[in-house]
PDB file of N, CA and C in Angstrom:
ATOM      1  N   MET A   1      -6.896  17.799 -14.527  1.00  0.00           N
ATOM      2  CA  MET A   1      -7.255  17.130 -13.292  1.00  0.00           C
ATOM      3  C   MET A   1      -5.995  16.572 -12.644  1.00  0.00           C
ATOM      4  N   ALA A   2      -5.809  16.862 -11.385  1.00  0.00           N
ATOM      5  CA  ALA A   2      -4.655  16.354 -10.643  1.00  0.00           C
ATOM      6  C   ALA A   2      -4.895  14.901 -10.263  1.00  0.00           C
ATOM      7  N   THR A   3      -3.860  14.120 -10.343  1.00  0.00           N
ATOM      8  CA  THR A   3      -3.943  12.701  -9.990  1.00  0.00           C
ATOM      9  C   THR A   3      -2.838  12.378  -9.008  1.00  0.00           C
ATOM     10  N   MET A   4      -3.178  11.588  -8.006  1.00  0.00           N
ATOM     11  CA  MET A   4      -2.182  11.098  -7.058  1.00  0.00           C
ATOM     12  C   MET A   4      -2.544   9.659  -6.741  1.00  0.00           C
ATOM     13  N   CYS A   5      -1.551   8.832  -6.595  1.00  0.00           N
ATOM     14  CA  CYS A   5      -1.772   7.419  -6.308  1.00  0.00           C
ATOM     15  C   CYS A   5      -1.222   7.107  -4.919  1.00  0.00           C
ATOM     16  N   PHE A   6      -2.106   6.693  -4.001  1.00  0.00           N
ATOM     17  CA  PHE A   6      -1.680   6.212  -2.694  1.00  0.00           C
ATOM     18  C   PHE A   6      -1.654   4.693  -2.759  1.00  0.00           C
ATOM     19  N   MET A   7      -0.544   4.097  -2.389  1.00  0.00           N
ATOM     20  CA  MET A   7      -0.424   2.644  -2.402  1.00  0.00           C
ATOM     21  C   MET A   7      -0.279   2.154  -0.971  1.00  0.00           C
ATOM     22  N   HIS A   8      -1.193   1.305  -0.579  1.00  0.00           N
ATOM     23  CA  HIS A   8      -1.246   0.782   0.779  1.00  0.00           C
ATOM     24  C   HIS A   8      -0.774  -0.666   0.769  1.00  0.00           C
ATOM     25  N   ASP A   9       0.035  -1.015   1.735  1.00  0.00           N
ATOM     26  CA  ASP A   9       0.500  -2.401   1.814  1.00  0.00           C
ATOM     27  C   ASP A   9      -0.001  -3.056   3.085  1.00  0.00           C
ATOM     28  N   GLN A  10      -0.074  -4.369   3.060  1.00  0.00           N
ATOM     29  CA  GLN A  10      -0.439  -5.111   4.257  1.00  0.00           C
ATOM     30  C   GLN A  10       0.394  -6.382   4.374  1.00  0.00           C
ATOM     31  N   LEU A  11       0.535  -7.111   3.303  1.00  0.00           N
ATOM     32  CA  LEU A  11       1.278  -8.358   3.317  1.00  0.00           C
ATOM     33  C   LEU A  11       2.540  -8.228   2.472  1.00  0.00           C
ATOM     34  N   GLU A  12       3.511  -9.071   2.726  1.00  0.00           N
ATOM     35  CA  GLU A  12       4.784  -9.021   1.992  1.00  0.00           C
ATOM     36  C   GLU A  12       4.575  -9.159   0.485  1.00  0.00           C
ATOM     37  N   SER A  13       3.674 -10.045   0.063  1.00  0.00           N
ATOM     38  CA  SER A  13       3.436 -10.210  -1.371  1.00  0.00           C
ATOM     39  C   SER A  13       2.857  -8.937  -1.978  1.00  0.00           C
ATOM     40  N   ILE A  14       2.041  -8.233  -1.227  1.00  0.00           N
ATOM     41  CA  ILE A  14       1.475  -6.972  -1.704  1.00  0.00           C
ATOM     42  C   ILE A  14       2.578  -5.922  -1.775  1.00  0.00           C
ATOM     43  N   TRP A  15       3.461  -5.931  -0.794  1.00  0.00           N
ATOM     44  CA  TRP A  15       4.598  -4.999  -0.766  1.00  0.00           C
ATOM     45  C   TRP A  15       5.393  -5.100  -2.059  1.00  0.00           C
ATOM     46  N   ARG A  16       5.704  -6.318  -2.483  1.00  0.00           N
ATOM     47  CA  ARG A  16       6.458  -6.527  -3.731  1.00  0.00           C
ATOM     48  C   ARG A  16       5.636  -6.080  -4.937  1.00  0.00           C
ATOM     49  N   ALA A  17       4.334  -6.328  -4.906  1.00  0.00           N
ATOM     50  CA  ALA A  17       3.457  -5.920  -6.009  1.00  0.00           C
ATOM     51  C   ALA A  17       3.415  -4.402  -6.150  1.00  0.00           C
ATOM     52  N   LEU A  18       3.512  -3.689  -5.046  1.00  0.00           N
ATOM     53  CA  LEU A  18       3.515  -2.225  -5.106  1.00  0.00           C
ATOM     54  C   LEU A  18       4.730  -1.717  -5.885  1.00  0.00           C
ATOM     55  N   PHE A  19       5.865  -2.356  -5.684  1.00  0.00           N
ATOM     56  CA  PHE A  19       7.065  -1.959  -6.421  1.00  0.00           C
ATOM     57  C   PHE A  19       6.884  -2.233  -7.910  1.00  0.00           C
ATOM     58  N   TYR A  20       6.289  -3.368  -8.236  1.00  0.00           N
ATOM     59  CA  TYR A  20       6.020  -3.726  -9.633  1.00  0.00           C
ATOM     60  C   TYR A  20       5.084  -2.695 -10.266  1.00  0.00           C
ATOM     61  N   ARG A  21       4.021  -2.344  -9.553  1.00  0.00           N
ATOM     62  CA  ARG A  21       3.066  -1.363 -10.077  1.00  0.00           C
ATOM     63  C   ARG A  21       3.707   0.015 -10.235  1.00  0.00           C
ATOM     64  N   THR A  22       4.547   0.371  -9.285  1.00  0.00           N
ATOM     65  CA  THR A  22       5.235   1.660  -9.384  1.00  0.00           C
ATOM     66  C   THR A  22       6.080   1.708 -10.646  1.00  0.00           C
ATOM     67  N   LYS A  23       6.813   0.649 -10.916  1.00  0.00           N
ATOM     68  CA  LYS A  23       7.648   0.613 -12.122  1.00  0.00           C
ATOM     69  C   LYS A  23       6.792   0.693 -13.382  1.00  0.00           C
ATOM     70  N   ALA A  24       5.631   0.035 -13.372  1.00  0.00           N
ATOM     71  CA  ALA A  24       4.734   0.075 -14.530  1.00  0.00           C
ATOM     72  C   ALA A  24       4.203   1.493 -14.755  1.00  0.00           C
ATOM     73  N   ILE A  25       3.836   2.172 -13.684  1.00  0.00           N
ATOM     74  CA  ILE A  25       3.359   3.552 -13.795  1.00  0.00           C
ATOM     75  C   ILE A  25       4.469   4.455 -14.312  1.00  0.00           C
ATOM     76  N   ARG A  26       5.671   4.276 -13.799  1.00  0.00           N
ATOM     77  CA  ARG A  26       6.799   5.102 -14.241  1.00  0.00           C
ATOM     78  C   ARG A  26       7.095   4.870 -15.733  1.00  0.00           C
ATOM     79  N   LYS A  27       6.939   3.649 -16.196  1.00  0.00           N
ATOM     80  CA  LYS A  27       7.141   3.352 -17.617  1.00  0.00           C
ATOM     81  C   LYS A  27       6.103   4.086 -18.460  1.00  0.00           C
ATOM     82  N   LEU A  28       4.845   4.059 -18.038  1.00  0.00           N
ATOM     83  CA  LEU A  28       3.794   4.784 -18.757  1.00  0.00           C
ATOM     84  C   LEU A  28       4.074   6.287 -18.773  1.00  0.00           C
ATOM     85  N   GLU A  29       4.580   6.794 -17.673  1.00  0.00           N
ATOM     86  CA  GLU A  29       4.920   8.214 -17.609  1.00  0.00           C
ATOM     87  C   GLU A  29       5.956   8.586 -18.666  1.00  0.00           C
ATOM     88  N   MET A  30       6.939   7.736 -18.832  1.00  0.00           N
ATOM     89  CA  MET A  30       7.986   7.995 -19.825  1.00  0.00           C
ATOM     90  C   MET A  30       7.374   8.065 -21.228  1.00  0.00           C
ATOM     91  N   GLU A  31       6.427   7.174 -21.501  1.00  0.00           N
ATOM     92  CA  GLU A  31       5.777   7.127 -22.814  1.00  0.00           C
ATOM     93  C   GLU A  31       4.862   8.328 -23.024  1.00  0.00           C
ATOM     94  N   ARG A  32       4.201   8.783 -21.974  1.00  0.00           N
ATOM     95  CA  ARG A  32       3.200   9.845 -22.085  1.00  0.00           C
ATOM     96  C   ARG A  32       3.722  11.233 -21.723  1.00  0.00           C
ATOM     97  N   GLY A  33       4.897  11.291 -21.129  1.00  0.00           N
ATOM     98  CA  GLY A  33       5.453  12.578 -20.730  1.00  0.00           C
ATOM     99  C   GLY A  33       4.703  13.219 -19.577  1.00  0.00           C
ATOM    100  N   SER A  34       4.225  12.406 -18.657  1.00  0.00           N
ATOM    101  CA  SER A  34       3.468  12.910 -17.513  1.00  0.00           C
ATOM    102  C   SER A  34       4.096  12.391 -16.222  1.00  0.00           C
ATOM    103  N   HIS A  35       3.531  12.835 -15.092  1.00  0.00           N
ATOM    104  CA  HIS A  35       4.009  12.345 -13.798  1.00  0.00           C
ATOM    105  C   HIS A  35       2.830  12.183 -12.850  1.00  0.00           C
ATOM    106  N   ILE A  36       2.742  11.022 -12.231  1.00  0.00           N
ATOM    107  CA  ILE A  36       1.726  10.739 -11.214  1.00  0.00           C
ATOM    108  C   ILE A  36       2.450  10.550  -9.895  1.00  0.00           C
ATOM    109  N   PRO A  37       2.203  11.408  -8.915  1.00  0.00           N
ATOM    110  CA  PRO A  37       2.834  11.206  -7.605  1.00  0.00           C
ATOM    111  C   PRO A  37       2.369   9.882  -6.989  1.00  0.00           C
ATOM    112  N   ILE A  38       3.300   9.094  -6.528  1.00  0.00           N
ATOM    113  CA  ILE A  38       2.990   7.819  -5.873  1.00  0.00           C
ATOM    114  C   ILE A  38       3.492   7.908  -4.441  1.00  0.00           C
ATOM    115  N   VAL A  39       2.584   7.642  -3.506  1.00  0.00           N
ATOM    116  CA  VAL A  39       2.890   7.741  -2.084  1.00  0.00           C
ATOM    117  C   VAL A  39       2.637   6.390  -1.425  1.00  0.00           C
ATOM    118  N   ALA A  40       3.644   5.855  -0.760  1.00  0.00           N
ATOM    119  CA  ALA A  40       3.469   4.625   0.011  1.00  0.00           C
ATOM    120  C   ALA A  40       2.806   4.994   1.337  1.00  0.00           C
ATOM    121  N   LEU A  41       1.745   4.285   1.682  1.00  0.00           N
ATOM    122  CA  LEU A  41       1.055   4.476   2.959  1.00  0.00           C
ATOM    123  C   LEU A  41       1.118   3.144   3.684  1.00  0.00           C
ATOM    124  N   THR A  42       1.889   3.081   4.760  1.00  0.00           N
ATOM    125  CA  THR A  42       2.212   1.786   5.352  1.00  0.00           C
ATOM    126  C   THR A  42       2.336   1.843   6.871  1.00  0.00           C
ATOM    127  N   ALA A  43       2.187   0.696   7.475  1.00  0.00           N
ATOM    128  CA  ALA A  43       2.439   0.560   8.910  1.00  0.00           C
ATOM    129  C   ALA A  43       3.899   0.158   9.146  1.00  0.00           C
ATOM    130  N   ARG A  44       4.618  -0.084   8.067  1.00  0.00           N
ATOM    131  CA  ARG A  44       6.030  -0.479   8.160  1.00  0.00           C
ATOM    132  C   ARG A  44       6.866   0.777   8.361  1.00  0.00           C
ATOM    133  N   ALA A  45       7.123   1.127   9.591  1.00  0.00           N
ATOM    134  CA  ALA A  45       7.773   2.406   9.920  1.00  0.00           C
ATOM    135  C   ALA A  45       9.272   2.262  10.125  1.00  0.00           C
ATOM    136  N   MET A  46       9.946   1.641   9.190  1.00  0.00           N
ATOM    137  CA  MET A  46      11.396   1.479   9.291  1.00  0.00           C
ATOM    138  C   MET A  46      12.066   2.332   8.223  1.00  0.00           C
ATOM    139  N   SER A  47      13.180   2.951   8.566  1.00  0.00           N
ATOM    140  CA  SER A  47      13.866   3.816   7.608  1.00  0.00           C
ATOM    141  C   SER A  47      14.309   3.035   6.371  1.00  0.00           C
ATOM    142  N   SER A  48      14.622   1.752   6.536  1.00  0.00           N
ATOM    143  CA  SER A  48      15.028   0.948   5.383  1.00  0.00           C
ATOM    144  C   SER A  48      13.857   0.748   4.419  1.00  0.00           C
ATOM    145  N   ASP A  49      12.628   0.672   4.941  1.00  0.00           N
ATOM    146  CA  ASP A  49      11.447   0.553   4.078  1.00  0.00           C
ATOM    147  C   ASP A  49      11.230   1.842   3.304  1.00  0.00           C
ATOM    148  N   GLU A  50      11.404   2.969   3.979  1.00  0.00           N
ATOM    149  CA  GLU A  50      11.268   4.257   3.299  1.00  0.00           C
ATOM    150  C   GLU A  50      12.293   4.376   2.178  1.00  0.00           C
ATOM    151  N   ALA A  51      13.535   4.019   2.462  1.00  0.00           N
ATOM    152  CA  ALA A  51      14.588   4.093   1.451  1.00  0.00           C
ATOM    153  C   ALA A  51      14.261   3.205   0.255  1.00  0.00           C
ATOM    154  N   LYS A  52      13.740   2.010   0.512  1.00  0.00           N
ATOM    155  CA  LYS A  52      13.390   1.078  -0.565  1.00  0.00           C
ATOM    156  C   LYS A  52      12.275   1.646  -1.431  1.00  0.00           C
ATOM    157  N   CYS A  53      11.254   2.240  -0.813  1.00  0.00           N
ATOM    158  CA  CYS A  53      10.144   2.828  -1.576  1.00  0.00           C
ATOM    159  C   CYS A  53      10.646   3.942  -2.487  1.00  0.00           C
ATOM    160  N   LEU A  54      11.480   4.802  -1.959  1.00  0.00           N
ATOM    161  CA  LEU A  54      12.010   5.901  -2.753  1.00  0.00           C
ATOM    162  C   LEU A  54      12.929   5.384  -3.856  1.00  0.00           C
ATOM    163  N   GLU A  55      13.710   4.369  -3.535  1.00  0.00           N
ATOM    164  CA  GLU A  55      14.605   3.751  -4.516  1.00  0.00           C
ATOM    165  C   GLU A  55      13.810   3.123  -5.661  1.00  0.00           C
ATOM    166  N   GLU A  56      12.636   2.580  -5.352  1.00  0.00           N
ATOM    167  CA  GLU A  56      11.797   1.917  -6.354  1.00  0.00           C
ATOM    168  C   GLU A  56      10.978   2.905  -7.184  1.00  0.00           C
ATOM    169  N   GLY A  57      11.107   4.211  -6.890  1.00  0.00           N
ATOM    170  CA  GLY A  57      10.467   5.207  -7.732  1.00  0.00           C
ATOM    171  C   GLY A  57       9.264   5.917  -7.142  1.00  0.00           C
ATOM    172  N   MET A  58       8.921   5.603  -5.896  1.00  0.00           N
ATOM    173  CA  MET A  58       7.815   6.315  -5.263  1.00  0.00           C
ATOM    174  C   MET A  58       8.282   7.724  -4.890  1.00  0.00           C
ATOM    175  N   ASP A  59       7.327   8.642  -4.796  1.00  0.00           N
ATOM    176  CA  ASP A  59       7.656  10.030  -4.501  1.00  0.00           C
ATOM    177  C   ASP A  59       7.731  10.326  -3.009  1.00  0.00           C
ATOM    178  N   ALA A  60       6.967   9.590  -2.223  1.00  0.00           N
ATOM    179  CA  ALA A  60       6.924   9.855  -0.782  1.00  0.00           C
ATOM    180  C   ALA A  60       6.536   8.587  -0.037  1.00  0.00           C
ATOM    181  N   TYR A  61       6.712   8.652   1.274  1.00  0.00           N
ATOM    182  CA  TYR A  61       6.479   7.505   2.150  1.00  0.00           C
ATOM    183  C   TYR A  61       5.815   8.034   3.415  1.00  0.00           C
ATOM    184  N   LEU A  62       4.623   7.547   3.718  1.00  0.00           N
ATOM    185  CA  LEU A  62       3.900   7.947   4.925  1.00  0.00           C
ATOM    186  C   LEU A  62       3.617   6.723   5.774  1.00  0.00           C
ATOM    187  N   THR A  63       3.726   6.888   7.078  1.00  0.00           N
ATOM    188  CA  THR A  63       3.386   5.780   7.971  1.00  0.00           C
ATOM    189  C   THR A  63       2.028   6.043   8.610  1.00  0.00           C
ATOM    190  N   LYS A  64       1.340   4.936   8.917  1.00  0.00           N
ATOM    191  CA  LYS A  64       0.026   5.033   9.561  1.00  0.00           C
ATOM    192  C   LYS A  64       0.210   5.136  11.066  1.00  0.00           C
ATOM    193  N   PRO A  65      -0.695   5.753  11.757  1.00  0.00           N
ATOM    194  CA  PRO A  65      -1.873   6.431  11.202  1.00  0.00           C
ATOM    195  C   PRO A  65      -1.476   7.762  10.587  1.00  0.00           C
ATOM    196  N   TRP A  66      -2.163   8.113   9.502  1.00  0.00           N
ATOM    197  CA  TRP A  66      -1.907   9.368   8.817  1.00  0.00           C
ATOM    198  C   TRP A  66      -3.242  10.024   8.496  1.00  0.00           C
ATOM    199  N   CYS A  67      -3.296  11.288   8.708  1.00  0.00           N
ATOM    200  CA  CYS A  67      -4.520  12.042   8.447  1.00  0.00           C
ATOM    201  C   CYS A  67      -4.144  13.265   7.619  1.00  0.00           C
ATOM    202  N   PRO A  68      -4.767  13.435   6.450  1.00  0.00           N
ATOM    203  CA  PRO A  68      -4.449  14.606   5.646  1.00  0.00           C
ATOM    204  C   PRO A  68      -4.676  15.891   6.443  1.00  0.00           C
ATOM    205  N   PRO A  69      -3.845  16.906   6.227  1.00  0.00           N
ATOM    206  CA  PRO A  69      -3.977  18.155   6.996  1.00  0.00           C
ATOM    207  C   PRO A  69      -5.384  18.744   6.969  1.00  0.00           C
ATOM    208  N   SER A  70      -6.098  18.602   5.866  1.00  0.00           N
ATOM    209  CA  SER A  70      -7.442  19.190   5.779  1.00  0.00           C
ATOM    210  C   SER A  70      -8.448  18.460   6.653  1.00  0.00           C
ATOM    211  N   PHE A  71      -8.123  17.284   7.162  1.00  0.00           N
ATOM    212  CA  PHE A  71      -9.033  16.515   8.001  1.00  0.00           C
ATOM    213  C   PHE A  71      -8.799  16.744   9.489  1.00  0.00           C
ATOM    214  N   ARG A  72      -7.774  17.468   9.836  1.00  0.00           N
ATOM    215  CA  ARG A  72      -7.417  17.677  11.241  1.00  0.00           C
ATOM    216  C   ARG A  72      -8.328  18.672  11.899  1.00  0.00           C
TER     217      ARG A  72
END
């Protein structure tokens, strides 16, 4: 079964929690030898935010509004 984790932020405290959760997931991956794609889904459309998400271990960064290709 394929798994993907979309992490949505709204408040600054949640933003920091997303980084914490990403690190926790990455640690579990190391122990289990697996990989779960983590995608930030945010209204924060700044290149510095994208860089921070990728630096913190997320796989991708999407800004809202976003619609999966199959929904178009």
